[in-house]
Amino acid sequence: MFLSSDDAQAIADKVLAHSKADACAVHIQGGLDQSLRFARGGATTNLATAEANLRISSHVGGRIGACSISRLDDDSIASAVARSEEIARMLPVDPDYVAPLGPQNYGFSNRYDEATAHLRLDALADAAARVMEEGARIGVDTFGCAAATRRFDAFATSAGLFAYERRSEIDLSATARNRADSWSGWAGAHHFCADRLDAEEIARLACAKGAHDSTPADLEPGAYTVVLEPDAAAELAFWLIRAMEARAADEGRSFFARPGGGALIGEKLFDEKLTIRVDPADPLAPEAAVSFEGLPHRARAFVENGVVSTLYRSRAWAQRTGAEPIPFARNFVMTGRDASIDDMVRSVRRGVLVTRFWYTNIVDPKSLLLTGLTRDGNFLIENGSVVAPMRNMRFNQRLGELFANIKALGPTRRTWRGAGEGVAPAAPAMLVEGFNFSSKSSGI
């Protein structure tokens, strides 16, 4: 269910009218989603859904009780308000309690396109057809999903805040496997504007990577020079920026903790080629205008030429420390340079070209040790040329060391990571040395 700003405000007003708590906060979100899955030359599943959810947070004596519902009729709303207040009264006082926000000034976020919001299934079918046609042309099996959505978020509080934001999305993910089912390649893209999706390019890249019949090479575990394509680089940058949280640093629990107390803000911790910014108005990878806590997102750098500029800071921690609250952002731009992937490959005597990662997770927050697996397109590099497909590997890599050792960056481009969730990072291809592959993986 896609609600207009007026409809969302009318529902919020009903909630606030029923509230008997000291304060009340409302979050309404929902939308319309459709997708088309395909495999081996034909469509397999198409799905269309409409949903809306209402979350009510009642504040009573420094305690917050919450209740979420998916029915928006008057009786359900009244019952949910009463239930949230009942829950609040049963809880202990929250030492990190903060009152709801009042009115805020939000900027523009470049995440909605009217034509994209009203795409029909035939547009998704056309994108999927481009992939299947290319697979048939070069003799590989193709699999994937094309999806489109329009979503909204609305926030309201008894302190006078009302915010409404919408976004449109289209994404295409394509995997190609050789007919022996012994090798795969992948490509994908995610955009807020359908005009920017190049299905033919996605099809060409995925199928070219998957069209290898030779037995994949085995590489012994160890430290190697790697060329990370933009989707792989974005995955690593995502975990870096996710770790940039002020409270964990101030309490000595993170990589960004200063010995003796405080956070390493203003310190050069990474290579000078690393800059990561967040900006709701960025044309390539815009963040939302409204954060999860209702704070406005502002354009800011988190890392500037290798120097840590700022860290995320929740309203609760900002209140406790007397500092500015800085909302967490999932959409970022990692600034690139002008080296092409071909240039990077030519500079490598022996190493690996990595298409993307999966199943990544932080093992140790203090050292930023990340683990994960390569997926859908590893290639062995020898003497400046890609010479063979290469089996996947598990890696264990400290991100601080990796981002302090950047040898080259390519142009920044939008990536697919987190498609379908309003996530839109942009990153360049990246050349690094000493990337630690810890073991082999039998999967393709």
Protein backbone atom coordinates (compact mmCIF):
# COMPACT_ATOMS: atom_id res chain seq x y z
CA MET A 1 0.00 0.00 0.00
CA PHE A 2 1.49 3.31 -1.07
CA LEU A 3 0.18 6.16 1.06
CA SER A 4 0.37 9.82 0.13
CA SER A 5 1.74 12.38 2.57
CA ASP A 6 -1.80 13.50 3.44
CA ASP A 7 -3.00 9.93 4.06
CA ALA A 8 0.02 9.15 6.25
CA GLN A 9 -0.48 12.34 8.25
CA ALA A 10 -4.16 11.52 8.79
CA ILE A 11 -3.21 8.14 10.26
CA ALA A 12 -0.53 9.72 12.45
CA ASP A 13 -3.04 12.28 13.72
CA LYS A 14 -5.39 9.46 14.74
CA VAL A 15 -2.61 7.78 16.70
CA LEU A 16 -1.63 10.98 18.49
CA ALA A 17 -5.28 11.78 19.29
CA HIS A 18 -5.64 8.41 21.05
CA SER A 19 -2.37 8.74 22.98
CA LYS A 20 -2.50 9.24 26.76
CA ALA A 21 1.26 8.85 27.20
CA ASP A 22 3.72 11.59 28.16
CA ALA A 23 4.80 11.61 24.50
CA CYS A 24 4.28 9.51 21.40
CA ALA A 25 6.19 8.76 18.18
CA VAL A 26 4.77 7.22 15.01
CA HIS A 27 6.49 5.52 12.06
CA ILE A 28 4.45 4.42 9.05
CA GLN A 29 6.09 2.65 6.13
CA GLY A 30 4.98 0.58 3.19
CA GLY A 31 4.70 0.38 -0.55
CA LEU A 32 4.18 -1.66 -3.67
CA ASP A 33 6.73 -4.26 -4.81
CA GLN A 34 6.92 -6.43 -7.90
CA SER A 35 9.53 -8.88 -9.16
CA LEU A 36 10.17 -11.35 -11.94
CA ARG A 37 12.51 -14.31 -11.47
CA PHE A 38 13.94 -16.19 -14.41
CA ALA A 39 16.05 -19.31 -14.99
CA ARG A 40 17.42 -21.23 -17.98
CA GLY A 41 15.70 -19.21 -20.65
CA GLY A 42 12.30 -18.53 -19.13
CA ALA A 43 10.39 -16.76 -16.39
CA THR A 44 9.76 -18.83 -13.27
CA THR A 45 7.94 -16.58 -10.80
CA ASN A 46 6.41 -13.14 -10.76
CA LEU A 47 5.27 -11.54 -7.54
CA ALA A 48 3.40 -8.37 -6.63
CA THR A 49 2.79 -7.25 -3.04
CA ALA A 50 1.30 -4.27 -1.27
CA GLU A 51 1.79 -3.63 2.41
CA ALA A 52 1.85 -0.94 5.07
CA ASN A 53 3.00 -1.09 8.68
CA LEU A 54 2.46 1.22 11.61
CA ARG A 55 4.79 1.36 14.64
CA ILE A 56 3.64 3.28 17.71
CA SER A 57 6.15 4.21 20.44
CA SER A 58 4.61 5.46 23.68
CA HIS A 59 6.82 7.35 26.16
CA VAL A 60 5.83 7.02 29.82
CA GLY A 61 8.12 8.21 32.62
CA GLY A 62 11.39 7.62 30.77
CA ARG A 63 10.24 4.30 29.35
CA ILE A 64 9.23 3.45 25.78
CA GLY A 65 6.72 0.78 24.84
CA ALA A 66 6.23 -0.07 21.18
CA CYS A 67 3.57 -1.89 19.22
CA SER A 68 3.51 -2.60 15.46
CA ILE A 69 0.45 -3.43 13.36
CA SER A 70 -0.36 -3.91 9.69
CA ARG A 71 -4.06 -3.05 9.89
CA LEU A 72 -4.80 0.67 9.79
CA ASP A 73 -8.50 0.83 10.71
CA ASP A 74 -9.60 2.96 13.68
CA ASP A 75 -10.17 0.05 16.09
CA SER A 76 -6.75 -1.50 15.35
CA ILE A 77 -5.04 1.86 15.84
CA ALA A 78 -6.78 2.51 19.16
CA SER A 79 -5.93 -0.97 20.40
CA ALA A 80 -2.27 -0.63 19.36
CA VAL A 81 -1.92 2.74 21.12
CA ALA A 82 -3.30 1.28 24.34
CA ARG A 83 -1.05 -1.79 24.05
CA SER A 84 2.08 0.33 23.54
CA GLU A 85 1.25 2.36 26.66
CA GLU A 86 0.65 -0.83 28.64
CA ILE A 87 4.05 -2.18 27.54
CA ALA A 88 5.78 1.08 28.50
CA ARG A 89 4.41 0.96 32.05
CA MET A 90 5.77 -2.59 32.52
CA LEU A 91 9.34 -1.68 31.57
CA PRO A 92 12.17 -0.32 33.72
CA VAL A 93 13.27 3.27 33.19
CA ASP A 94 15.63 3.49 30.21
CA PRO A 95 18.97 5.11 31.19
CA ASP A 96 19.41 6.17 27.56
CA TYR A 97 15.94 7.68 27.24
CA VAL A 98 15.50 10.60 24.83
CA ALA A 99 12.23 12.41 24.19
CA PRO A 100 10.70 12.47 20.69
CA LEU A 101 12.01 15.02 18.22
CA GLY A 102 10.16 18.20 17.39
CA PRO A 103 10.00 19.76 13.89
CA GLN A 104 13.13 19.37 11.75
CA ASN A 105 14.42 20.94 8.54
CA TYR A 106 14.99 18.27 5.89
CA GLY A 107 16.79 18.68 2.62
CA PHE A 108 16.12 17.08 -0.75
CA SER A 109 16.91 13.42 -1.40
CA ASN A 110 17.33 12.33 -4.99
CA ARG A 111 15.59 8.95 -4.60
CA TYR A 112 12.24 9.19 -6.36
CA ASP A 113 11.34 9.14 -10.05
CA GLU A 114 7.69 9.17 -11.08
CA ALA A 115 8.15 6.99 -14.17
CA THR A 116 10.13 4.38 -12.20
CA ALA A 117 7.51 4.37 -9.45
CA HIS A 118 4.86 3.32 -11.98
CA LEU A 119 6.78 0.67 -13.90
CA ARG A 120 4.75 -2.34 -14.98
CA LEU A 121 5.71 -5.99 -15.21
CA ASP A 122 6.51 -5.69 -18.92
CA ALA A 123 9.49 -3.45 -18.08
CA LEU A 124 10.89 -6.15 -15.80
CA ALA A 125 10.23 -8.80 -18.42
CA ASP A 126 12.13 -6.75 -20.97
CA ALA A 127 15.16 -6.47 -18.65
CA ALA A 128 15.12 -10.21 -17.93
CA ALA A 129 14.80 -10.96 -21.65
CA ARG A 130 18.04 -9.09 -22.36
CA VAL A 131 19.89 -11.42 -20.00
CA MET A 132 18.30 -14.59 -21.35
CA GLU A 133 18.94 -13.57 -24.97
CA GLU A 134 22.62 -12.92 -24.30
CA GLY A 135 22.93 -16.25 -22.47
CA ALA A 136 21.41 -18.09 -25.42
CA ARG A 137 23.71 -16.25 -27.82
CA ILE A 138 26.94 -17.34 -26.14
CA GLY A 139 25.79 -20.67 -24.73
CA VAL A 140 25.40 -20.20 -20.96
CA ASP A 141 22.46 -20.72 -18.64
CA THR A 142 21.13 -17.56 -17.04
CA PHE A 143 19.36 -16.98 -13.75
CA GLY A 144 18.29 -13.87 -11.92
CA CYS A 145 15.67 -11.43 -10.78
CA ALA A 146 14.34 -8.08 -11.98
CA ALA A 147 12.44 -6.05 -9.41
CA ALA A 148 10.81 -2.65 -9.02
CA THR A 149 9.24 -0.88 -6.08
CA ARG A 150 7.86 2.37 -4.77
CA ARG A 151 8.04 2.91 -1.02
CA PHE A 152 7.24 5.58 1.54
CA ASP A 153 8.25 6.39 5.13
CA ALA A 154 6.40 8.80 7.39
CA PHE A 155 7.40 9.96 10.88
CA ALA A 156 5.34 11.95 13.37
CA THR A 157 5.63 12.86 17.05
CA SER A 158 3.52 14.51 19.71
CA ALA A 159 6.25 17.21 19.81
CA GLY A 160 5.15 18.45 16.38
CA LEU A 161 7.37 16.53 13.95
CA PHE A 162 5.98 15.27 10.67
CA ALA A 163 8.22 13.97 7.90
CA TYR A 164 7.32 12.09 4.74
CA GLU A 165 9.67 10.59 2.18
CA ARG A 166 9.27 8.33 -0.82
CA ARG A 167 11.58 6.39 -3.11
CA SER A 168 11.38 4.42 -6.33
CA GLU A 169 13.71 1.53 -7.20
CA ILE A 170 14.58 -0.85 -9.99
CA ASP A 171 17.22 -3.54 -9.84
CA LEU A 172 18.47 -6.41 -11.95
CA SER A 173 20.69 -9.25 -10.77
CA ALA A 174 21.99 -11.80 -13.31
CA THR A 175 24.01 -14.98 -12.84
CA ALA A 176 25.37 -16.99 -15.76
CA ARG A 177 26.63 -20.59 -15.51
CA ASN A 178 28.34 -22.71 -18.13
CA ARG A 179 26.42 -25.72 -19.38
CA ALA A 180 28.62 -28.07 -17.31
CA ASP A 181 27.51 -26.15 -14.20
CA SER A 182 31.14 -25.82 -13.12
CA TRP A 183 31.57 -22.04 -13.30
CA SER A 184 29.49 -18.89 -12.83
CA GLY A 185 29.64 -15.17 -13.44
CA TRP A 186 27.51 -12.33 -12.11
CA ALA A 187 26.57 -8.72 -12.73
CA GLY A 188 23.85 -6.48 -11.33
CA ALA A 189 22.67 -2.93 -10.82
CA HIS A 190 20.25 -1.00 -8.63
CA HIS A 191 18.88 2.47 -9.39
CA PHE A 192 16.26 4.91 -8.18
CA CYS A 193 15.65 5.93 -11.81
CA ALA A 194 14.91 3.24 -14.41
CA ASP A 195 16.55 5.23 -17.23
CA ARG A 196 19.92 4.50 -15.63
CA LEU A 197 19.55 0.70 -15.71
CA ASP A 198 21.47 -0.82 -18.64
CA ALA A 199 20.14 -4.37 -18.87
CA GLU A 200 22.20 -5.15 -21.97
CA GLU A 201 25.42 -4.22 -20.19
CA ILE A 202 24.49 -6.34 -17.17
CA ALA A 203 23.72 -9.26 -19.49
CA ARG A 204 27.00 -8.87 -21.35
CA LEU A 205 29.11 -8.72 -18.19
CA ALA A 206 27.43 -11.66 -16.41
CA CYS A 207 27.51 -13.93 -19.46
CA ALA A 208 31.10 -13.09 -20.38
CA LYS A 209 32.22 -13.94 -16.84
CA GLY A 210 30.25 -17.21 -16.85
CA ALA A 211 31.38 -18.43 -20.29
CA HIS A 212 34.43 -20.47 -19.21
CA ASP A 213 34.62 -24.23 -19.77
CA SER A 214 38.15 -24.83 -18.48
CA THR A 215 38.67 -26.34 -15.05
CA PRO A 216 38.99 -23.51 -12.51
CA ALA A 217 42.48 -23.04 -11.11
CA ASP A 218 43.23 -23.72 -7.45
CA LEU A 219 45.18 -21.12 -5.49
CA GLU A 220 46.89 -21.94 -2.22
CA PRO A 221 45.79 -19.79 0.75
CA GLY A 222 47.99 -16.79 1.46
CA ALA A 223 48.41 -13.06 0.96
CA TYR A 224 47.86 -11.88 -2.63
CA THR A 225 47.51 -8.72 -4.65
CA VAL A 226 43.84 -8.36 -5.57
CA VAL A 227 41.83 -6.27 -7.99
CA LEU A 228 38.43 -5.71 -6.41
CA GLU A 229 35.62 -4.79 -8.78
CA PRO A 230 33.29 -2.02 -7.50
CA ASP A 231 30.74 -4.39 -5.93
CA ALA A 232 33.49 -6.13 -3.96
CA ALA A 233 35.04 -2.82 -2.88
CA ALA A 234 31.62 -1.50 -1.79
CA GLU A 235 31.07 -4.58 0.36
CA LEU A 236 34.28 -3.93 2.28
CA ALA A 237 33.61 -0.19 2.56
CA PHE A 238 30.13 -0.95 3.92
CA TRP A 239 31.61 -2.87 6.85
CA LEU A 240 34.14 -0.11 7.48
CA ILE A 241 31.54 2.64 7.61
CA ARG A 242 29.18 0.46 9.67
CA ALA A 243 31.91 0.24 12.33
CA MET A 244 32.24 4.03 12.58
CA GLU A 245 30.05 4.39 15.68
CA ALA A 246 30.93 6.95 18.34
CA ARG A 247 29.69 5.13 21.43
CA ALA A 248 31.69 1.97 20.71
CA ALA A 249 34.79 4.12 20.11
CA ASP A 250 34.28 6.25 23.23
CA GLU A 251 33.83 3.11 25.32
CA GLY A 252 36.98 1.49 23.90
CA ARG A 253 35.17 -1.28 22.03
CA SER A 254 36.10 -0.47 18.43
CA PHE A 255 38.90 0.08 15.95
CA PHE A 256 38.23 3.81 16.25
CA ALA A 257 38.87 3.91 20.04
CA ARG A 258 41.71 6.20 21.10
CA PRO A 259 44.14 4.59 23.58
CA GLY A 260 43.42 6.15 26.95
CA GLY A 261 39.87 7.14 26.02
CA GLY A 262 37.84 8.89 23.36
CA ALA A 263 37.66 8.39 19.61
CA LEU A 264 40.24 8.68 16.85
CA ILE A 265 38.50 11.56 15.09
CA GLY A 266 40.90 13.75 13.16
CA GLU A 267 43.48 10.97 12.83
CA LYS A 268 44.87 9.68 9.53
CA LEU A 269 44.11 5.95 9.77
CA PHE A 270 43.84 5.06 6.09
CA ASP A 271 45.51 5.67 2.75
CA GLU A 272 45.14 9.24 1.54
CA LYS A 273 43.25 7.94 -1.52
CA LEU A 274 40.32 6.91 0.73
CA THR A 275 37.40 9.33 0.98
CA ILE A 276 33.89 8.24 1.97
CA ARG A 277 31.00 10.71 1.92
CA VAL A 278 27.25 10.65 2.55
CA ASP A 279 24.90 13.10 0.81
CA PRO A 280 21.10 12.95 0.32
CA ALA A 281 21.43 15.08 -2.83
CA ASP A 282 24.18 13.03 -4.45
CA PRO A 283 23.07 12.06 -7.98
CA LEU A 284 24.80 8.68 -7.89
CA ALA A 285 24.14 7.25 -4.43
CA PRO A 286 21.79 9.49 -2.43
CA GLU A 287 21.03 8.86 1.22
CA ALA A 288 17.52 9.39 2.54
CA ALA A 289 16.69 12.89 3.77
CA VAL A 290 15.18 11.46 6.98
CA SER A 291 17.14 9.09 9.22
CA PHE A 292 15.73 6.20 11.24
CA GLU A 293 15.61 8.36 14.39
CA GLY A 294 13.98 11.20 12.44
CA LEU A 295 17.11 13.35 12.31
CA PRO A 296 17.93 15.01 8.99
CA HIS A 297 20.78 13.50 6.99
CA ARG A 298 23.29 16.15 5.97
CA ALA A 299 26.10 16.02 3.42
CA ARG A 300 29.27 15.06 5.31
CA ALA A 301 32.52 13.14 4.95
CA PHE A 302 33.23 10.26 7.30
CA VAL A 303 36.72 9.72 5.90
CA GLU A 304 38.50 12.53 4.01
CA ASN A 305 41.83 11.72 2.34
CA GLY A 306 42.44 8.95 4.84
CA VAL A 307 41.53 11.05 7.89
CA VAL A 308 38.55 10.07 10.07
CA SER A 309 36.28 13.14 9.96
CA THR A 310 33.37 12.03 12.11
CA LEU A 311 31.56 9.01 13.56
CA TYR A 312 27.89 8.12 13.85
CA ARG A 313 26.37 9.23 17.13
CA SER A 314 22.89 8.27 18.30
CA ARG A 315 20.66 10.85 19.95
CA ALA A 316 21.02 9.01 23.25
CA TRP A 317 24.82 9.03 23.15
CA ALA A 318 24.88 12.62 21.93
CA GLN A 319 22.69 13.62 24.89
CA ARG A 320 24.97 11.81 27.32
CA THR A 321 28.19 13.27 25.88
CA GLY A 322 26.97 16.74 24.97
CA ALA A 323 27.88 16.27 21.31
CA GLU A 324 26.04 16.58 18.01
CA PRO A 325 23.88 13.58 17.02
CA ILE A 326 24.93 12.16 13.65
CA PRO A 327 22.56 9.60 12.09
CA PHE A 328 23.70 6.25 10.71
CA ALA A 329 23.68 6.10 6.90
CA ARG A 330 23.77 3.06 4.63
CA ASN A 331 24.21 4.91 1.35
CA PHE A 332 27.67 6.32 0.73
CA VAL A 333 30.03 7.38 -2.01
CA MET A 334 33.62 6.14 -1.98
CA THR A 335 35.55 8.61 -4.12
CA GLY A 336 37.47 7.03 -6.98
CA ARG A 337 40.27 7.98 -9.34
CA ASP A 338 41.04 7.23 -12.97
CA ALA A 339 42.73 3.79 -13.10
CA SER A 340 40.82 1.23 -15.19
CA ILE A 341 40.46 -2.40 -14.17
CA ASP A 342 42.60 -3.32 -17.19
CA ASP A 343 45.32 -0.94 -15.93
CA MET A 344 45.21 -2.56 -12.50
CA VAL A 345 45.40 -6.07 -13.93
CA ARG A 346 48.43 -5.12 -16.06
CA SER A 347 50.27 -4.02 -12.92
CA VAL A 348 49.84 -7.38 -11.13
CA ARG A 349 52.50 -10.09 -11.40
CA ARG A 350 50.41 -12.72 -9.61
CA GLY A 351 47.04 -12.10 -8.00
CA VAL A 352 43.27 -12.35 -8.19
CA LEU A 353 40.47 -10.41 -9.86
CA VAL A 354 37.39 -10.55 -7.56
CA THR A 355 33.86 -9.86 -8.85
CA ARG A 356 32.05 -9.77 -5.50
CA PHE A 357 31.88 -11.17 -1.95
CA TRP A 358 29.13 -12.82 0.05
CA TYR A 359 28.48 -14.12 3.56
CA THR A 360 30.66 -11.38 5.05
CA ASN A 361 30.73 -10.58 8.75
CA ILE A 362 32.92 -8.86 11.32
CA VAL A 363 34.88 -11.32 13.48
CA ASP A 364 36.63 -8.80 15.75
CA PRO A 365 35.40 -5.17 16.05
CA LYS A 366 38.63 -3.98 17.68
CA SER A 367 40.82 -4.96 14.73
CA LEU A 368 38.07 -4.76 12.07
CA LEU A 369 38.75 -8.37 11.12
CA LEU A 370 36.24 -9.32 8.41
CA THR A 371 35.56 -12.79 7.03
CA GLY A 372 33.67 -13.87 3.94
CA LEU A 373 33.82 -15.68 0.62
CA THR A 374 34.39 -14.69 -2.98
CA ARG A 375 31.54 -15.48 -5.37
CA ASP A 376 30.55 -15.67 -9.05
CA GLY A 377 33.72 -14.74 -10.85
CA ASN A 378 37.22 -15.13 -9.41
CA PHE A 379 40.02 -14.97 -11.97
CA LEU A 380 43.73 -15.71 -11.68
CA ILE A 381 46.08 -12.93 -12.81
CA GLU A 382 49.63 -13.75 -13.94
CA ASN A 383 52.15 -11.34 -15.45
CA GLY A 384 49.55 -8.64 -16.09
CA SER A 385 46.89 -10.82 -17.74
CA VAL A 386 43.80 -12.73 -16.62
CA VAL A 387 44.80 -16.32 -17.42
CA ALA A 388 42.10 -18.58 -15.93
CA PRO A 389 38.96 -18.80 -13.84
CA MET A 390 39.83 -19.53 -10.20
CA ARG A 391 37.93 -21.35 -7.48
CA ASN A 392 36.42 -19.32 -4.71
CA MET A 393 38.30 -18.60 -1.51
CA ARG A 394 37.45 -17.67 2.05
CA PHE A 395 39.18 -14.56 3.34
CA ASN A 396 40.04 -13.15 6.77
CA GLN A 397 41.11 -9.56 6.33
CA ARG A 398 41.66 -6.63 8.71
CA LEU A 399 39.93 -3.69 7.06
CA GLY A 400 42.16 -1.10 8.70
CA GLU A 401 45.18 -2.66 7.04
CA LEU A 402 43.41 -3.06 3.69
CA PHE A 403 42.19 0.55 3.45
CA ALA A 404 45.62 1.80 4.56
CA ASN A 405 47.22 -0.04 1.65
CA ILE A 406 45.30 1.12 -1.46
CA LYS A 407 47.50 1.07 -4.56
CA ALA A 408 44.99 2.34 -7.15
CA LEU A 409 41.33 3.28 -7.57
CA GLY A 410 39.09 3.33 -10.61
CA PRO A 411 36.16 5.65 -11.37
CA THR A 412 33.30 5.54 -8.87
CA ARG A 413 30.11 3.84 -10.02
CA ARG A 414 26.82 2.77 -8.49
CA THR A 415 26.82 -0.83 -7.19
CA TRP A 416 24.15 -3.43 -6.57
CA ARG A 417 24.82 -4.19 -2.90
CA GLY A 418 21.63 -4.33 -0.80
CA ALA A 419 19.34 -3.89 -3.80
CA GLY A 420 15.66 -3.75 -2.90
CA GLU A 421 16.31 -2.20 0.52
CA GLY A 422 16.87 1.42 -0.40
CA VAL A 423 20.63 0.93 -0.19
CA ALA A 424 22.72 2.58 -2.89
CA PRO A 425 26.48 2.66 -2.27
CA ALA A 426 28.84 3.85 -4.97
CA ALA A 427 32.44 2.68 -5.10
CA PRO A 428 35.39 2.33 -7.47
CA ALA A 429 37.39 -0.73 -8.42
CA MET A 430 40.32 -1.01 -6.03
CA LEU A 431 43.84 -2.49 -6.20
CA VAL A 432 45.30 -3.63 -2.88
CA GLU A 433 48.24 -5.78 -1.83
CA GLY A 434 48.45 -8.38 0.92
CA PHE A 435 44.82 -9.50 0.83
CA ASN A 436 44.58 -12.58 3.04
CA PHE A 437 42.87 -15.66 1.55
CA SER A 438 42.60 -18.11 4.43
CA SER A 439 41.22 -21.28 2.79
CA LYS A 440 39.76 -22.77 -0.40
CA SER A 441 36.04 -23.10 -1.09
CA SER A 442 34.54 -25.80 -3.29
CA GLY A 443 31.52 -23.73 -4.32
CA ILE A 444 31.35 -21.84 -7.59
